[in-house]
Structures are given as structure tokens and as C-alpha cells.
Amino acid sequence: MKLQTSIKPRMDGTVIVEGKDGQSYTFVQDDAGDLTGDIGHEETVAHLLAGGLFYPADPADFEAAVALAATANPPAEPEPEAEKEDDADMTALPIEGNTPPSTNPPRKAE
């Protein structure tokens, strides 16, 4: 799928992405000035689309892109109550409260 990106390019005018398949994909400016690149690996396309900084270059691919992005970030299942972390103890002393007093005399105000 041909994708475009909104990432600011490097000094040489390109954006390089490491794909999920281990290949590097380079986005270069097309005739319209958009950074575009062809990605043939479906898992990489899904991952990039889900990140929000890449989008299909061809409007006809938008529906397929939405479906691919949804597979990259499936809805998270709620965490069971027993495994949730406890909230912080709001009655605890601040970290400084456990610091021993200093033996240095206080400084005089100038």
C-alpha cells in the first residue's frame, strides 16, 4: 500500500521507517511535495496506520486502512480487579520525611 506521512523529514528530505519485517522503508517527496512510500508488508502497514502519523496516499485505500489499523490495536481487555495496582497511600510521608536531619549549621540569609 502506498502511504504518506506527516513526519518532518530528515535533512536529506526523506523519512526512513524500520518495518515489522526487518526491512527499511524510505518515504520521499512526490511531485505534489508529499512524503510517500510503498509498503508491501501488511503488518508494517497496520502498525504505521495505527500510529496516526501515516495514512493512505490513495483515497480508495481508506476503508482498507481503517480495517488494518484496527487489527494493529485491538481493544484492550479490562484488567481484573485483583491485578490492578493499589492507589498511592495519600497519608504517607513525603520522601524527604524519611531523610535524617543534617548536622550542618543552617546558612545565614544574605
PDB file of N, CA and C in Angstrom:
ATOM      1  N   MET A   1       0.853  -1.162   0.000  1.00  0.00           N
ATOM      2  CA  MET A   1       0.000   0.000   0.000  1.00  0.00           C
ATOM      3  C   MET A   1       0.905   1.233   0.000  1.00  0.00           C
ATOM      4  N   LYS A   2       0.533   2.211  -0.770  1.00  0.00           N
ATOM      5  CA  LYS A   2       1.283   3.457  -0.813  1.00  0.00           C
ATOM      6  C   LYS A   2       0.776   4.333   0.331  1.00  0.00           C
ATOM      7  N   LEU A   3       1.711   4.742   1.198  1.00  0.00           N
ATOM      8  CA  LEU A   3       1.368   5.558   2.357  1.00  0.00           C
ATOM      9  C   LEU A   3       2.031   6.923   2.252  1.00  0.00           C
ATOM     10  N   GLN A   4       1.456   7.888   2.944  1.00  0.00           N
ATOM     11  CA  GLN A   4       2.045   9.206   3.115  1.00  0.00           C
ATOM     12  C   GLN A   4       2.278   9.403   4.608  1.00  0.00           C
ATOM     13  N   THR A   5       3.177  10.305   4.940  1.00  0.00           N
ATOM     14  CA  THR A   5       3.445  10.580   6.340  1.00  0.00           C
ATOM     15  C   THR A   5       3.479  12.079   6.594  1.00  0.00           C
ATOM     16  N   SER A   6       3.160  12.429   7.835  1.00  0.00           N
ATOM     17  CA  SER A   6       3.222  13.831   8.247  1.00  0.00           C
ATOM     18  C   SER A   6       4.455  14.097   9.112  1.00  0.00           C
ATOM     19  N   ILE A   7       5.369  13.137   9.191  1.00  0.00           N
ATOM     20  CA  ILE A   7       6.600  13.286   9.963  1.00  0.00           C
ATOM     21  C   ILE A   7       7.535  14.252   9.236  1.00  0.00           C
ATOM     22  N   LYS A   8       8.175  15.114  10.010  1.00  0.00           N
ATOM     23  CA  LYS A   8       9.130  16.052   9.427  1.00  0.00           C
ATOM     24  C   LYS A   8      10.315  15.256   8.873  1.00  0.00           C
ATOM     25  N   PRO A   9      10.696  15.514   7.623  1.00  0.00           N
ATOM     26  CA  PRO A   9      11.781  14.733   7.017  1.00  0.00           C
ATOM     27  C   PRO A   9      13.149  15.088   7.586  1.00  0.00           C
ATOM     28  N   ARG A  10      14.092  14.190   7.344  1.00  0.00           N
ATOM     29  CA  ARG A  10      15.487  14.412   7.724  1.00  0.00           C
ATOM     30  C   ARG A  10      16.071  15.494   6.824  1.00  0.00           C
ATOM     31  N   MET A  11      17.318  15.848   7.053  1.00  0.00           N
ATOM     32  CA  MET A  11      17.979  16.890   6.260  1.00  0.00           C
ATOM     33  C   MET A  11      18.017  16.544   4.773  1.00  0.00           C
ATOM     34  N   ASP A  12      18.062  15.241   4.443  1.00  0.00           N
ATOM     35  CA  ASP A  12      18.102  14.850   3.032  1.00  0.00           C
ATOM     36  C   ASP A  12      16.713  14.759   2.405  1.00  0.00           C
ATOM     37  N   GLY A  13      15.662  15.121   3.161  1.00  0.00           N
ATOM     38  CA  GLY A  13      14.304  15.148   2.625  1.00  0.00           C
ATOM     39  C   GLY A  13      13.571  13.828   2.681  1.00  0.00           C
ATOM     40  N   THR A  14      14.090  12.848   3.426  1.00  0.00           N
ATOM     41  CA  THR A  14      13.454  11.533   3.493  1.00  0.00           C
ATOM     42  C   THR A  14      13.028  11.202   4.924  1.00  0.00           C
ATOM     43  N   VAL A  15      12.140  10.241   5.030  1.00  0.00           N
ATOM     44  CA  VAL A  15      11.768   9.626   6.298  1.00  0.00           C
ATOM     45  C   VAL A  15      12.010   8.138   6.117  1.00  0.00           C
ATOM     46  N   ILE A  16      12.757   7.542   7.025  1.00  0.00           N
ATOM     47  CA  ILE A  16      13.055   6.111   6.941  1.00  0.00           C
ATOM     48  C   ILE A  16      12.374   5.411   8.103  1.00  0.00           C
ATOM     49  N   VAL A  17      11.661   4.335   7.777  1.00  0.00           N
ATOM     50  CA  VAL A  17      10.907   3.582   8.771  1.00  0.00           C
ATOM     51  C   VAL A  17      11.413   2.142   8.782  1.00  0.00           C
ATOM     52  N   GLU A  18      11.639   1.605   9.965  1.00  0.00           N
ATOM     53  CA  GLU A  18      12.004   0.198  10.116  1.00  0.00           C
ATOM     54  C   GLU A  18      10.714  -0.600  10.196  1.00  0.00           C
ATOM     55  N   GLY A  19      10.506  -1.516   9.251  1.00  0.00           N
ATOM     56  CA  GLY A  19       9.279  -2.296   9.198  1.00  0.00           C
ATOM     57  C   GLY A  19       9.288  -3.465  10.165  1.00  0.00           C
ATOM     58  N   LYS A  20       8.113  -4.018  10.397  1.00  0.00           N
ATOM     59  CA  LYS A  20       7.962  -5.190  11.265  1.00  0.00           C
ATOM     60  C   LYS A  20       8.638  -6.415  10.657  1.00  0.00           C
ATOM     61  N   ASP A  21       8.935  -6.356   9.375  1.00  0.00           N
ATOM     62  CA  ASP A  21       9.594  -7.460   8.686  1.00  0.00           C
ATOM     63  C   ASP A  21      11.113  -7.294   8.653  1.00  0.00           C
ATOM     64  N   GLY A  22      11.624  -6.256   9.318  1.00  0.00           N
ATOM     65  CA  GLY A  22      13.059  -6.039   9.373  1.00  0.00           C
ATOM     66  C   GLY A  22      13.614  -5.203   8.226  1.00  0.00           C
ATOM     67  N   GLN A  23      12.788  -4.840   7.275  1.00  0.00           N
ATOM     68  CA  GLN A  23      13.243  -4.018   6.152  1.00  0.00           C
ATOM     69  C   GLN A  23      13.090  -2.542   6.480  1.00  0.00           C
ATOM     70  N   SER A  24      13.905  -1.719   5.848  1.00  0.00           N
ATOM     71  CA  SER A  24      13.778  -0.271   5.976  1.00  0.00           C
ATOM     72  C   SER A  24      12.980   0.249   4.787  1.00  0.00           C
ATOM     73  N   TYR A  25      12.027   1.124   5.074  1.00  0.00           N
ATOM     74  CA  TYR A  25      11.203   1.726   4.032  1.00  0.00           C
ATOM     75  C   TYR A  25      11.473   3.227   4.028  1.00  0.00           C
ATOM     76  N   THR A  26      11.716   3.772   2.831  1.00  0.00           N
ATOM     77  CA  THR A  26      12.058   5.179   2.698  1.00  0.00           C
ATOM     78  C   THR A  26      10.897   5.936   2.073  1.00  0.00           C
ATOM     79  N   PHE A  27      10.529   7.030   2.715  1.00  0.00           N
ATOM     80  CA  PHE A  27       9.499   7.921   2.202  1.00  0.00           C
ATOM     81  C   PHE A  27      10.202   9.136   1.610  1.00  0.00           C
ATOM     82  N   VAL A  28       9.882   9.438   0.352  1.00  0.00           N
ATOM     83  CA  VAL A  28      10.479  10.574  -0.354  1.00  0.00           C
ATOM     84  C   VAL A  28       9.370  11.479  -0.870  1.00  0.00           C
ATOM     85  N   GLN A  29       9.729  12.711  -1.183  1.00  0.00           N
ATOM     86  CA  GLN A  29       8.733  13.655  -1.688  1.00  0.00           C
ATOM     87  C   GLN A  29       8.319  13.284  -3.100  1.00  0.00           C
ATOM     88  N   ASP A  30       6.996  13.291  -3.322  1.00  0.00           N
ATOM     89  CA  ASP A  30       6.483  13.042  -4.667  1.00  0.00           C
ATOM     90  C   ASP A  30       6.328  14.376  -5.391  1.00  0.00           C
ATOM     91  N   ASP A  31       5.704  14.368  -6.561  1.00  0.00           N
ATOM     92  CA  ASP A  31       5.551  15.582  -7.361  1.00  0.00           C
ATOM     93  C   ASP A  31       4.731  16.656  -6.639  1.00  0.00           C
ATOM     94  N   ALA A  32       3.817  16.233  -5.760  1.00  0.00           N
ATOM     95  CA  ALA A  32       2.978  17.184  -5.025  1.00  0.00           C
ATOM     96  C   ALA A  32       3.661  17.679  -3.750  1.00  0.00           C
ATOM     97  N   GLY A  33       4.833  17.134  -3.427  1.00  0.00           N
ATOM     98  CA  GLY A  33       5.555  17.547  -2.235  1.00  0.00           C
ATOM     99  C   GLY A  33       5.237  16.731  -1.000  1.00  0.00           C
ATOM    100  N   ASP A  34       4.396  15.680  -1.153  1.00  0.00           N
ATOM    101  CA  ASP A  34       4.044  14.810  -0.026  1.00  0.00           C
ATOM    102  C   ASP A  34       5.090  13.718   0.126  1.00  0.00           C
ATOM    103  N   LEU A  35       5.371  13.332   1.370  1.00  0.00           N
ATOM    104  CA  LEU A  35       6.300  12.231   1.623  1.00  0.00           C
ATOM    105  C   LEU A  35       5.544  10.920   1.471  1.00  0.00           C
ATOM    106  N   THR A  36       5.891  10.145   0.445  1.00  0.00           N
ATOM    107  CA  THR A  36       5.194   8.896   0.175  1.00  0.00           C
ATOM    108  C   THR A  36       6.181   7.744   0.091  1.00  0.00           C
ATOM    109  N   GLY A  37       5.657   6.553   0.361  1.00  0.00           N
ATOM    110  CA  GLY A  37       6.457   5.345   0.259  1.00  0.00           C
ATOM    111  C   GLY A  37       5.559   4.139   0.078  1.00  0.00           C
ATOM    112  N   ASP A  38       6.053   3.138  -0.630  1.00  0.00           N
ATOM    113  CA  ASP A  38       5.312   1.895  -0.838  1.00  0.00           C
ATOM    114  C   ASP A  38       5.730   0.879   0.211  1.00  0.00           C
ATOM    115  N   ILE A  39       4.744   0.326   0.906  1.00  0.00           N
ATOM    116  CA  ILE A  39       4.984  -0.693   1.927  1.00  0.00           C
ATOM    117  C   ILE A  39       4.241  -1.939   1.479  1.00  0.00           C
ATOM    118  N   GLY A  40       4.969  -3.032   1.313  1.00  0.00           N
ATOM    119  CA  GLY A  40       4.358  -4.274   0.865  1.00  0.00           C
ATOM    120  C   GLY A  40       4.020  -5.238   1.989  1.00  0.00           C
ATOM    121  N   HIS A  41       4.477  -4.961   3.186  1.00  0.00           N
ATOM    122  CA  HIS A  41       4.270  -5.857   4.326  1.00  0.00           C
ATOM    123  C   HIS A  41       3.043  -5.399   5.108  1.00  0.00           C
ATOM    124  N   GLU A  42       2.000  -6.245   5.149  1.00  0.00           N
ATOM    125  CA  GLU A  42       0.716  -5.865   5.730  1.00  0.00           C
ATOM    126  C   GLU A  42       0.812  -5.521   7.215  1.00  0.00           C
ATOM    127  N   GLU A  43       1.604  -6.261   7.980  1.00  0.00           N
ATOM    128  CA  GLU A  43       1.735  -5.988   9.412  1.00  0.00           C
ATOM    129  C   GLU A  43       2.402  -4.625   9.649  1.00  0.00           C
ATOM    130  N   THR A  44       3.360  -4.281   8.825  1.00  0.00           N
ATOM    131  CA  THR A  44       4.006  -2.972   8.924  1.00  0.00           C
ATOM    132  C   THR A  44       3.022  -1.867   8.578  1.00  0.00           C
ATOM    133  N   VAL A  45       2.238  -2.065   7.540  1.00  0.00           N
ATOM    134  CA  VAL A  45       1.233  -1.072   7.149  1.00  0.00           C
ATOM    135  C   VAL A  45       0.257  -0.853   8.302  1.00  0.00           C
ATOM    136  N   ALA A  46      -0.227  -1.942   8.905  1.00  0.00           N
ATOM    137  CA  ALA A  46      -1.180  -1.843  10.013  1.00  0.00           C
ATOM    138  C   ALA A  46      -0.559  -1.082  11.181  1.00  0.00           C
ATOM    139  N   HIS A  47       0.688  -1.391  11.494  1.00  0.00           N
ATOM    140  CA  HIS A  47       1.375  -0.735  12.601  1.00  0.00           C
ATOM    141  C   HIS A  47       1.540   0.767  12.349  1.00  0.00           C
ATOM    142  N   LEU A  48       1.938   1.134  11.146  1.00  0.00           N
ATOM    143  CA  LEU A  48       2.134   2.545  10.807  1.00  0.00           C
ATOM    144  C   LEU A  48       0.817   3.315  10.808  1.00  0.00           C
ATOM    145  N   LEU A  49      -0.222   2.710  10.255  1.00  0.00           N
ATOM    146  CA  LEU A  49      -1.526   3.379  10.226  1.00  0.00           C
ATOM    147  C   LEU A  49      -2.076   3.583  11.630  1.00  0.00           C
ATOM    148  N   ALA A  50      -1.861   2.620  12.506  1.00  0.00           N
ATOM    149  CA  ALA A  50      -2.374   2.715  13.870  1.00  0.00           C
ATOM    150  C   ALA A  50      -1.668   3.816  14.660  1.00  0.00           C
ATOM    151  N   GLY A  51      -0.439   4.158  14.276  1.00  0.00           N
ATOM    152  CA  GLY A  51       0.318   5.192  14.982  1.00  0.00           C
ATOM    153  C   GLY A  51      -0.203   6.596  14.752  1.00  0.00           C
ATOM    154  N   GLY A  52      -0.935   6.822  13.684  1.00  0.00           N
ATOM    155  CA  GLY A  52      -1.541   8.122  13.437  1.00  0.00           C
ATOM    156  C   GLY A  52      -0.706   9.104  12.625  1.00  0.00           C
ATOM    157  N   LEU A  53       0.531   8.771  12.303  1.00  0.00           N
ATOM    158  CA  LEU A  53       1.374   9.676  11.530  1.00  0.00           C
ATOM    159  C   LEU A  53       1.496   9.250  10.071  1.00  0.00           C
ATOM    160  N   PHE A  54       0.863   8.158   9.716  1.00  0.00           N
ATOM    161  CA  PHE A  54       0.876   7.649   8.348  1.00  0.00           C
ATOM    162  C   PHE A  54      -0.568   7.453   7.903  1.00  0.00           C
ATOM    163  N   TYR A  55      -0.805   7.648   6.630  1.00  0.00           N
ATOM    164  CA  TYR A  55      -2.151   7.498   6.078  1.00  0.00           C
ATOM    165  C   TYR A  55      -2.025   7.107   4.613  1.00  0.00           C
ATOM    166  N   PRO A  56      -3.087   6.496   4.056  1.00  0.00           N
ATOM    167  CA  PRO A  56      -3.005   6.054   2.661  1.00  0.00           C
ATOM    168  C   PRO A  56      -2.892   7.225   1.695  1.00  0.00           C
ATOM    169  N   ALA A  57      -2.078   7.049   0.688  1.00  0.00           N
ATOM    170  CA  ALA A  57      -1.903   8.081  -0.325  1.00  0.00           C
ATOM    171  C   ALA A  57      -3.095   8.120  -1.277  1.00  0.00           C
ATOM    172  N   ASP A  58      -3.736   6.982  -1.473  1.00  0.00           N
ATOM    173  CA  ASP A  58      -4.872   6.877  -2.386  1.00  0.00           C
ATOM    174  C   ASP A  58      -6.164   6.844  -1.568  1.00  0.00           C
ATOM    175  N   PRO A  59      -7.082   7.786  -1.785  1.00  0.00           N
ATOM    176  CA  PRO A  59      -8.338   7.793  -1.026  1.00  0.00           C
ATOM    177  C   PRO A  59      -9.132   6.489  -1.146  1.00  0.00           C
ATOM    178  N   ALA A  60      -8.927   5.731  -2.217  1.00  0.00           N
ATOM    179  CA  ALA A  60      -9.629   4.462  -2.388  1.00  0.00           C
ATOM    180  C   ALA A  60      -9.182   3.426  -1.351  1.00  0.00           C
ATOM    181  N   ASP A  61      -8.011   3.637  -0.746  1.00  0.00           N
ATOM    182  CA  ASP A  61      -7.489   2.701   0.245  1.00  0.00           C
ATOM    183  C   ASP A  61      -7.912   3.023   1.675  1.00  0.00           C
ATOM    184  N   PHE A  62      -8.704   4.081   1.888  1.00  0.00           N
ATOM    185  CA  PHE A  62      -9.047   4.492   3.252  1.00  0.00           C
ATOM    186  C   PHE A  62      -9.796   3.410   4.029  1.00  0.00           C
ATOM    187  N   GLU A  63     -10.763   2.756   3.404  1.00  0.00           N
ATOM    188  CA  GLU A  63     -11.525   1.714   4.119  1.00  0.00           C
ATOM    189  C   GLU A  63     -10.623   0.557   4.513  1.00  0.00           C
ATOM    190  N   ALA A  64      -9.764   0.134   3.619  1.00  0.00           N
ATOM    191  CA  ALA A  64      -8.828  -0.949   3.931  1.00  0.00           C
ATOM    192  C   ALA A  64      -7.860  -0.504   5.024  1.00  0.00           C
ATOM    193  N   ALA A  65      -7.471   0.753   5.006  1.00  0.00           N
ATOM    194  CA  ALA A  65      -6.543   1.274   6.015  1.00  0.00           C
ATOM    195  C   ALA A  65      -7.174   1.270   7.398  1.00  0.00           C
ATOM    196  N   VAL A  66      -8.447   1.647   7.483  1.00  0.00           N
ATOM    197  CA  VAL A  66      -9.144   1.639   8.774  1.00  0.00           C
ATOM    198  C   VAL A  66      -9.219   0.222   9.320  1.00  0.00           C
ATOM    199  N   ALA A  67      -9.502  -0.735   8.469  1.00  0.00           N
ATOM    200  CA  ALA A  67      -9.571  -2.134   8.908  1.00  0.00           C
ATOM    201  C   ALA A  67      -8.204  -2.639   9.355  1.00  0.00           C
ATOM    202  N   LEU A  68      -7.147  -2.286   8.636  1.00  0.00           N
ATOM    203  CA  LEU A  68      -5.801  -2.705   9.018  1.00  0.00           C
ATOM    204  C   LEU A  68      -5.370  -2.066  10.340  1.00  0.00           C
ATOM    205  N   ALA A  69      -5.666  -0.792  10.507  1.00  0.00           N
ATOM    206  CA  ALA A  69      -5.288  -0.108  11.748  1.00  0.00           C
ATOM    207  C   ALA A  69      -6.001  -0.725  12.940  1.00  0.00           C
ATOM    208  N   ALA A  70      -7.221  -1.168  12.749  1.00  0.00           N
ATOM    209  CA  ALA A  70      -7.970  -1.791  13.844  1.00  0.00           C
ATOM    210  C   ALA A  70      -7.347  -3.126  14.250  1.00  0.00           C
ATOM    211  N   THR A  71      -6.735  -3.834  13.306  1.00  0.00           N
ATOM    212  CA  THR A  71      -6.109  -5.114  13.659  1.00  0.00           C
ATOM    213  C   THR A  71      -4.809  -4.904  14.410  1.00  0.00           C
ATOM    214  N   ALA A  72      -4.166  -3.746  14.218  1.00  0.00           N
ATOM    215  CA  ALA A  72      -2.899  -3.480  14.906  1.00  0.00           C
ATOM    216  C   ALA A  72      -3.119  -3.129  16.362  1.00  0.00           C
ATOM    217  N   ASN A  73      -4.238  -2.494  16.684  1.00  0.00           N
ATOM    218  CA  ASN A  73      -4.545  -2.104  18.057  1.00  0.00           C
ATOM    219  C   ASN A  73      -5.917  -2.634  18.451  1.00  0.00           C
ATOM    220  N   PRO A  74      -6.009  -3.935  18.731  1.00  0.00           N
ATOM    221  CA  PRO A  74      -7.312  -4.444  19.144  1.00  0.00           C
ATOM    222  C   PRO A  74      -7.710  -3.830  20.491  1.00  0.00           C
ATOM    223  N   PRO A  75      -9.000  -3.736  20.760  1.00  0.00           N
ATOM    224  CA  PRO A  75      -9.432  -3.153  22.027  1.00  0.00           C
ATOM    225  C   PRO A  75      -8.837  -3.931  23.204  1.00  0.00           C
ATOM    226  N   ALA A  76      -8.342  -3.205  24.170  1.00  0.00           N
ATOM    227  CA  ALA A  76      -7.731  -3.840  25.338  1.00  0.00           C
ATOM    228  C   ALA A  76      -8.811  -4.417  26.242  1.00  0.00           C
ATOM    229  N   GLU A  77      -8.523  -5.598  26.783  1.00  0.00           N
ATOM    230  CA  GLU A  77      -9.461  -6.195  27.720  1.00  0.00           C
ATOM    231  C   GLU A  77      -9.253  -5.549  29.078  1.00  0.00           C
ATOM    232  N   PRO A  78     -10.342  -5.336  29.820  1.00  0.00           N
ATOM    233  CA  PRO A  78     -10.181  -4.712  31.127  1.00  0.00           C
ATOM    234  C   PRO A  78      -9.349  -5.584  32.061  1.00  0.00           C
ATOM    235  N   GLU A  79      -8.565  -4.922  32.887  1.00  0.00           N
ATOM    236  CA  GLU A  79      -7.695  -5.619  33.826  1.00  0.00           C
ATOM    237  C   GLU A  79      -8.537  -6.145  34.980  1.00  0.00           C
ATOM    238  N   PRO A  80      -8.348  -7.412  35.381  1.00  0.00           N
ATOM    239  CA  PRO A  80      -9.127  -7.931  36.506  1.00  0.00           C
ATOM    240  C   PRO A  80      -8.858  -7.113  37.768  1.00  0.00           C
ATOM    241  N   GLU A  81      -9.872  -7.030  38.631  1.00  0.00           N
ATOM    242  CA  GLU A  81      -9.769  -6.229  39.851  1.00  0.00           C
ATOM    243  C   GLU A  81      -8.595  -6.644  40.724  1.00  0.00           C
ATOM    244  N   ALA A  82      -8.325  -7.934  40.828  1.00  0.00           N
ATOM    245  CA  ALA A  82      -7.268  -8.423  41.716  1.00  0.00           C
ATOM    246  C   ALA A  82      -5.883  -8.005  41.228  1.00  0.00           C
ATOM    247  N   GLU A  83      -5.717  -7.793  39.925  1.00  0.00           N
ATOM    248  CA  GLU A  83      -4.405  -7.472  39.382  1.00  0.00           C
ATOM    249  C   GLU A  83      -4.139  -5.970  39.287  1.00  0.00           C
ATOM    250  N   LYS A  84      -5.134  -5.141  39.565  1.00  0.00           N
ATOM    251  CA  LYS A  84      -4.925  -3.697  39.490  1.00  0.00           C
ATOM    252  C   LYS A  84      -4.006  -3.259  40.619  1.00  0.00           C
ATOM    253  N   GLU A  85      -3.170  -2.291  40.318  1.00  0.00           N
ATOM    254  CA  GLU A  85      -2.274  -1.763  41.338  1.00  0.00           C
ATOM    255  C   GLU A  85      -3.062  -0.865  42.282  1.00  0.00           C
ATOM    256  N   ASP A  86      -2.641  -0.891  43.548  1.00  0.00           N
ATOM    257  CA  ASP A  86      -3.293  -0.039  44.535  1.00  0.00           C
ATOM    258  C   ASP A  86      -2.943   1.413  44.269  1.00  0.00           C
ATOM    259  N   ASP A  87      -3.849   2.288  44.644  1.00  0.00           N
ATOM    260  CA  ASP A  87      -3.550   3.710  44.552  1.00  0.00           C
ATOM    261  C   ASP A  87      -2.484   4.059  45.573  1.00  0.00           C
ATOM    262  N   ALA A  88      -1.796   5.147  45.350  1.00  0.00           N
ATOM    263  CA  ALA A  88      -0.750   5.583  46.274  1.00  0.00           C
ATOM    264  C   ALA A  88      -1.360   5.906  47.630  1.00  0.00           C
ATOM    265  N   ASP A  89      -0.613   5.652  48.689  1.00  0.00           N
ATOM    266  CA  ASP A  89      -1.053   5.963  50.042  1.00  0.00           C
ATOM    267  C   ASP A  89      -0.936   7.469  50.239  1.00  0.00           C
ATOM    268  N   MET A  90      -2.059   8.144  50.267  1.00  0.00           N
ATOM    269  CA  MET A  90      -2.058   9.589  50.370  1.00  0.00           C
ATOM    270  C   MET A  90      -1.720  10.080  51.774  1.00  0.00           C
ATOM    271  N   THR A  91      -1.621   9.169  52.763  1.00  0.00           N
ATOM    272  CA  THR A  91      -1.270   9.575  54.125  1.00  0.00           C
ATOM    273  C   THR A  91       0.203   9.360  54.410  1.00  0.00           C
ATOM    274  N   ALA A  92       0.956   8.852  53.444  1.00  0.00           N
ATOM    275  CA  ALA A  92       2.377   8.575  53.645  1.00  0.00           C
ATOM    276  C   ALA A  92       3.175   9.870  53.705  1.00  0.00           C
ATOM    277  N   LEU A  93       4.302   9.792  54.390  1.00  0.00           N
ATOM    278  CA  LEU A  93       5.202  10.942  54.467  1.00  0.00           C
ATOM    279  C   LEU A  93       5.836  11.178  53.108  1.00  0.00           C
ATOM    280  N   PRO A  94       6.183  12.413  52.804  1.00  0.00           N
ATOM    281  CA  PRO A  94       6.924  12.645  51.568  1.00  0.00           C
ATOM    282  C   PRO A  94       8.298  11.990  51.661  1.00  0.00           C
ATOM    283  N   ILE A  95       8.940  11.833  50.541  1.00  0.00           N
ATOM    284  CA  ILE A  95      10.250  11.172  50.519  1.00  0.00           C
ATOM    285  C   ILE A  95      11.208  11.874  51.472  1.00  0.00           C
ATOM    286  N   GLU A  96      11.129  13.195  51.544  1.00  0.00           N
ATOM    287  CA  GLU A  96      12.010  13.936  52.424  1.00  0.00           C
ATOM    288  C   GLU A  96      11.757  13.609  53.893  1.00  0.00           C
ATOM    289  N   GLY A  97      10.568  13.111  54.216  1.00  0.00           N
ATOM    290  CA  GLY A  97      10.234  12.798  55.592  1.00  0.00           C
ATOM    291  C   GLY A  97      11.081  11.682  56.153  1.00  0.00           C
ATOM    292  N   ASN A  98      11.655  10.841  55.329  1.00  0.00           N
ATOM    293  CA  ASN A  98      12.497   9.745  55.782  1.00  0.00           C
ATOM    294  C   ASN A  98      13.979  10.109  55.747  1.00  0.00           C
ATOM    295  N   THR A  99      14.311  11.369  55.470  1.00  0.00           N
ATOM    296  CA  THR A  99      15.691  11.817  55.391  1.00  0.00           C
ATOM    297  C   THR A  99      16.163  12.227  56.785  1.00  0.00           C
ATOM    298  N   PRO A 100      17.323  11.719  57.243  1.00  0.00           N
ATOM    299  CA  PRO A 100      17.805  12.116  58.569  1.00  0.00           C
ATOM    300  C   PRO A 100      18.167  13.593  58.582  1.00  0.00           C
ATOM    301  N   PRO A 101      18.069  14.239  59.756  1.00  0.00           N
ATOM    302  CA  PRO A 101      18.402  15.660  59.825  1.00  0.00           C
ATOM    303  C   PRO A 101      19.865  15.902  59.509  1.00  0.00           C
ATOM    304  N   SER A 102      20.146  17.069  58.967  1.00  0.00           N
ATOM    305  CA  SER A 102      21.508  17.445  58.608  1.00  0.00           C
ATOM    306  C   SER A 102      22.268  17.912  59.834  1.00  0.00           C
ATOM    307  N   THR A 103      23.563  17.613  59.907  1.00  0.00           N
ATOM    308  CA  THR A 103      24.401  18.075  61.008  1.00  0.00           C
ATOM    309  C   THR A 103      25.087  19.387  60.661  1.00  0.00           C
ATOM    310  N   ASN A 104      24.883  19.874  59.456  1.00  0.00           N
ATOM    311  CA  ASN A 104      25.470  21.148  59.041  1.00  0.00           C
ATOM    312  C   ASN A 104      24.646  22.294  59.629  1.00  0.00           C
ATOM    313  N   PRO A 105      25.306  23.362  60.112  1.00  0.00           N
ATOM    314  CA  PRO A 105      24.544  24.500  60.644  1.00  0.00           C
ATOM    315  C   PRO A 105      23.771  25.192  59.516  1.00  0.00           C
ATOM    316  N   PRO A 106      22.627  25.796  59.826  1.00  0.00           N
ATOM    317  CA  PRO A 106      21.860  26.481  58.788  1.00  0.00           C
ATOM    318  C   PRO A 106      22.637  27.671  58.234  1.00  0.00           C
ATOM    319  N   ARG A 107      22.392  27.973  56.977  1.00  0.00           N
ATOM    320  CA  ARG A 107      23.036  29.111  56.331  1.00  0.00           C
ATOM    321  C   ARG A 107      22.400  30.417  56.792  1.00  0.00           C
ATOM    322  N   LYS A 108      23.203  31.455  56.839  1.00  0.00           N
ATOM    323  CA  LYS A 108      22.692  32.770  57.196  1.00  0.00           C
ATOM    324  C   LYS A 108      22.147  33.444  55.942  1.00  0.00           C
ATOM    325  N   ALA A 109      21.014  34.082  56.069  1.00  0.00           N
ATOM    326  CA  ALA A 109      20.422  34.794  54.943  1.00  0.00           C
ATOM    327  C   ALA A 109      21.230  36.036  54.629  1.00  0.00           C
ATOM    328  N   GLU A 110      21.436  36.319  53.384  1.00  0.00           N
ATOM    329  CA  GLU A 110      22.212  37.495  52.989  1.00  0.00           C
ATOM    330  C   GLU A 110      21.308  38.609  52.597  1.00  0.00           C
TER     331      GLU A 110
END
